[in-house]
Amino acid sequence: MSFLDSSFIPFPGINDLALIVMASQHPARGLAYALLSTVGSVLGCYVMYYIARGGEKLAEGRSTKNKNKYERARRWLERNDFVAMLVMSLLPPPAPLKLFVIAAGALRMNPLHFGAALLVGRSLRFLAEAWLGAHYGTRAEAYLNKNLAWSSLLTILVVIGMTLLWRRWKGHSVAAAADSGEPCEEVENQGPRT
């Protein structure tokens, strides 16, 4: 069900509900259910990703204006690929994950970054749902409906905050390497300063 939901046949919310119910009926199997849901979802997303990657020319367009928009979108995705997919994979339905998967394929997002972000995001989401199902039973659905909006927002803010801190730290380490004269891959790629 998770594979189909992430690829061709949408089951908005049904996969999540089924995971909660199955984990509530068999709490000892909750981890296995979450891992199987994660693997199915990642594989289904890869199917859509590679279909969209094959249709890259459709996204690129023919006019110069469209090519400029395409290049800007591609450059933004190159800088933010992991975080964008991670945030989208954490969001509950009706978040448009498939649109981001298709855009990632069409804009040729790095397939390893794509898979890693989905693996982290989907596993966190499905593990949380399995845990809720195992501990709260079918009441977990009501709990999720009541608290989903704020917990999703909090999760997204934490991911974005960690990303900004990482970039800031990375920028400081690149600047420190440049000041000390140590070779740094990013500094070397920038070429001589004028």
Protein backbone atom coordinates (compact mmCIF):
# COMPACT_ATOMS: atom_id res chain seq x y z
CA MET A 1 0.00 0.00 0.00
CA SER A 2 2.84 2.37 0.83
CA PHE A 3 4.52 1.71 -2.53
CA LEU A 4 1.30 2.34 -4.46
CA ASP A 5 0.50 5.45 -2.41
CA SER A 6 3.89 6.94 -3.24
CA SER A 7 3.81 5.98 -6.90
CA PHE A 8 0.69 5.60 -9.03
CA ILE A 9 -2.41 5.14 -6.85
CA PRO A 10 -2.89 7.69 -4.07
CA PHE A 11 -4.33 6.55 -0.74
CA PRO A 12 -4.31 9.87 1.14
CA GLY A 13 -4.09 9.12 4.84
CA ILE A 14 -5.11 5.46 4.48
CA ASN A 15 -1.54 4.17 4.67
CA ASP A 16 -1.00 6.15 7.89
CA LEU A 17 -4.24 4.92 9.40
CA ALA A 18 -3.50 1.31 8.43
CA LEU A 19 -0.05 1.57 10.04
CA ILE A 20 -1.55 2.89 13.27
CA VAL A 21 -4.23 0.19 13.38
CA MET A 22 -1.76 -2.62 12.59
CA ALA A 23 0.70 -1.36 15.23
CA SER A 24 -2.12 -1.14 17.77
CA GLN A 25 -3.19 -4.74 17.06
CA HIS A 26 0.39 -6.11 17.09
CA PRO A 27 2.61 -3.69 19.07
CA ALA A 28 5.64 -5.99 18.85
CA ARG A 29 5.52 -5.73 15.06
CA GLY A 30 5.21 -1.92 15.00
CA LEU A 31 8.87 -1.40 14.07
CA ALA A 32 8.61 -3.89 11.20
CA TYR A 33 5.44 -2.22 9.92
CA ALA A 34 7.13 1.18 10.04
CA LEU A 35 10.23 -0.09 8.21
CA LEU A 36 8.15 -1.81 5.53
CA SER A 37 6.07 1.34 5.06
CA THR A 38 9.28 3.37 4.74
CA VAL A 39 10.83 1.03 2.16
CA GLY A 40 7.60 0.89 0.15
CA SER A 41 7.25 4.66 0.18
CA VAL A 42 10.87 5.31 -0.85
CA LEU A 43 10.68 2.76 -3.69
CA GLY A 44 7.37 4.22 -4.91
CA CYS A 45 8.86 7.71 -4.88
CA TYR A 46 11.86 6.49 -6.88
CA VAL A 47 9.49 5.16 -9.57
CA MET A 48 7.89 8.61 -9.92
CA TYR A 49 11.30 10.30 -9.70
CA TYR A 50 12.76 8.31 -12.60
CA ILE A 51 9.64 8.74 -14.73
CA ALA A 52 9.88 12.51 -14.20
CA ARG A 53 13.63 12.45 -14.75
CA GLY A 54 13.02 10.90 -18.17
CA GLY A 55 10.60 13.74 -18.96
CA GLU A 56 13.06 16.50 -18.08
CA LYS A 57 12.59 18.22 -21.44
CA LEU A 58 8.92 18.85 -20.64
CA ALA A 59 9.87 20.85 -17.55
CA GLU A 60 12.63 22.75 -19.30
CA GLY A 61 10.51 24.24 -22.08
CA ARG A 62 11.70 25.86 -25.27
CA SER A 63 11.63 29.62 -24.71
CA THR A 64 14.50 31.51 -23.10
CA LYS A 65 12.20 32.76 -20.34
CA ASN A 66 11.22 29.18 -19.42
CA LYS A 67 14.85 28.05 -19.58
CA ASN A 68 15.84 30.82 -17.17
CA LYS A 69 13.08 29.80 -14.74
CA TYR A 70 14.10 26.18 -15.11
CA GLU A 71 17.75 26.99 -14.36
CA ARG A 72 16.84 29.10 -11.32
CA ALA A 73 14.63 26.30 -9.97
CA ARG A 74 17.37 23.75 -10.64
CA ARG A 75 20.02 25.87 -8.86
CA TRP A 76 17.70 26.40 -5.86
CA LEU A 77 17.05 22.67 -5.69
CA GLU A 78 20.78 21.92 -5.87
CA ARG A 79 21.37 24.13 -2.80
CA ASN A 80 18.32 22.92 -0.85
CA ASP A 81 17.65 19.44 -2.22
CA PHE A 82 18.01 17.38 0.95
CA VAL A 83 16.11 19.79 3.20
CA ALA A 84 13.26 20.34 0.74
CA MET A 85 12.65 16.60 0.33
CA LEU A 86 13.09 15.96 4.05
CA VAL A 87 10.47 18.55 4.99
CA MET A 88 8.03 17.31 2.34
CA SER A 89 8.47 13.68 3.37
CA LEU A 90 7.66 14.53 6.99
CA LEU A 91 4.43 16.36 6.21
CA PRO A 92 1.14 14.49 6.54
CA PRO A 93 -1.54 14.35 3.86
CA PRO A 94 -2.69 16.41 2.04
CA ALA A 95 0.87 17.71 1.55
CA PRO A 96 1.76 17.45 -2.16
CA LEU A 97 4.71 15.05 -1.85
CA LYS A 98 4.22 13.68 -5.37
CA LEU A 99 4.57 17.15 -6.89
CA PHE A 100 7.93 17.56 -5.15
CA VAL A 101 9.00 14.07 -6.21
CA ILE A 102 8.12 14.85 -9.84
CA ALA A 103 9.88 18.23 -9.64
CA ALA A 104 12.96 16.56 -8.11
CA GLY A 105 13.08 14.11 -11.02
CA ALA A 106 12.46 16.71 -13.70
CA LEU A 107 15.09 19.04 -12.21
CA ARG A 108 17.53 16.13 -11.85
CA MET A 109 17.99 16.23 -8.10
CA ASN A 110 20.88 14.08 -6.94
CA PRO A 111 19.34 10.57 -6.60
CA LEU A 112 21.34 9.80 -3.44
CA HIS A 113 20.28 13.02 -1.71
CA PHE A 114 16.71 12.33 -2.84
CA GLY A 115 16.71 8.82 -1.39
CA ALA A 116 18.49 9.80 1.83
CA ALA A 117 16.04 12.63 2.53
CA LEU A 118 13.06 10.37 1.87
CA LEU A 119 14.53 7.58 3.97
CA VAL A 120 15.09 9.88 6.96
CA GLY A 121 11.77 11.74 6.64
CA ARG A 122 9.55 8.76 5.94
CA SER A 123 11.17 6.57 8.59
CA LEU A 124 10.73 9.30 11.24
CA ARG A 125 7.11 9.78 10.27
CA PHE A 126 6.23 6.08 10.10
CA LEU A 127 8.14 5.23 13.28
CA ALA A 128 6.21 7.95 15.13
CA GLU A 129 2.90 6.62 13.80
CA ALA A 130 3.80 3.04 14.73
CA TRP A 131 4.83 4.17 18.21
CA LEU A 132 1.57 6.05 18.66
CA GLY A 133 -0.41 3.05 17.44
CA ALA A 134 1.43 0.65 19.74
CA HIS A 135 1.05 2.90 22.81
CA TYR A 136 -2.33 4.53 22.27
CA GLY A 137 -4.10 2.04 20.05
CA THR A 138 -6.73 3.37 17.72
CA ARG A 139 -7.01 6.51 19.89
CA ALA A 140 -3.73 7.54 18.20
CA GLU A 141 -5.70 8.59 15.13
CA ALA A 142 -7.70 11.09 17.18
CA TYR A 143 -4.49 12.25 18.86
CA LEU A 144 -2.83 12.79 15.48
CA ASN A 145 -5.82 14.68 14.10
CA LYS A 146 -5.82 16.94 17.16
CA ASN A 147 -2.05 17.61 17.32
CA LEU A 148 -0.84 17.06 13.76
CA ALA A 149 -0.75 20.68 12.61
CA TRP A 150 1.39 22.07 15.41
CA SER A 151 3.68 19.04 15.63
CA SER A 152 4.28 19.14 11.86
CA LEU A 153 5.03 22.84 12.04
CA LEU A 154 7.42 22.31 14.96
CA THR A 155 9.21 19.52 13.09
CA ILE A 156 9.61 21.66 9.98
CA LEU A 157 10.94 24.58 12.00
CA VAL A 158 13.47 22.33 13.75
CA VAL A 159 14.66 20.91 10.39
CA ILE A 160 14.97 24.38 8.85
CA GLY A 161 16.74 25.72 11.97
CA MET A 162 19.23 22.85 11.94
CA THR A 163 19.85 23.43 8.24
CA LEU A 164 20.52 27.13 8.76
CA LEU A 165 22.91 26.35 11.63
CA TRP A 166 24.68 23.76 9.48
CA ARG A 167 25.09 26.24 6.62
CA ARG A 168 26.33 28.93 8.97
CA TRP A 169 28.86 26.55 10.54
CA LYS A 170 29.91 25.29 7.11
CA GLY A 171 30.34 28.88 5.88
CA HIS A 172 32.49 29.73 8.89
CA SER A 173 34.68 26.66 8.39
CA VAL A 174 35.16 27.52 4.69
CA ALA A 175 36.06 31.11 5.60
CA ALA A 176 38.46 29.94 8.31
CA ALA A 177 40.16 27.54 5.89
CA ALA A 178 40.51 30.34 3.33
CA ASP A 179 42.00 32.70 5.92
CA SER A 180 44.49 30.12 7.19
CA GLY A 181 45.59 29.17 3.68
CA GLU A 182 44.47 25.55 4.07
CA PRO A 183 43.10 23.96 0.91
CA CYS A 184 39.35 23.80 0.93
CA GLU A 185 37.31 22.25 -1.84
CA GLU A 186 34.77 25.08 -2.00
CA VAL A 187 37.44 27.80 -1.87
CA GLU A 188 39.48 26.11 -4.58
CA ASN A 189 36.43 25.87 -6.84
CA GLN A 190 35.74 29.62 -6.54
CA GLY A 191 38.91 30.54 -8.44
CA PRO A 192 41.05 33.61 -7.83
CA ARG A 193 39.49 36.59 -6.10
CA THR A 194 39.61 39.95 -7.83
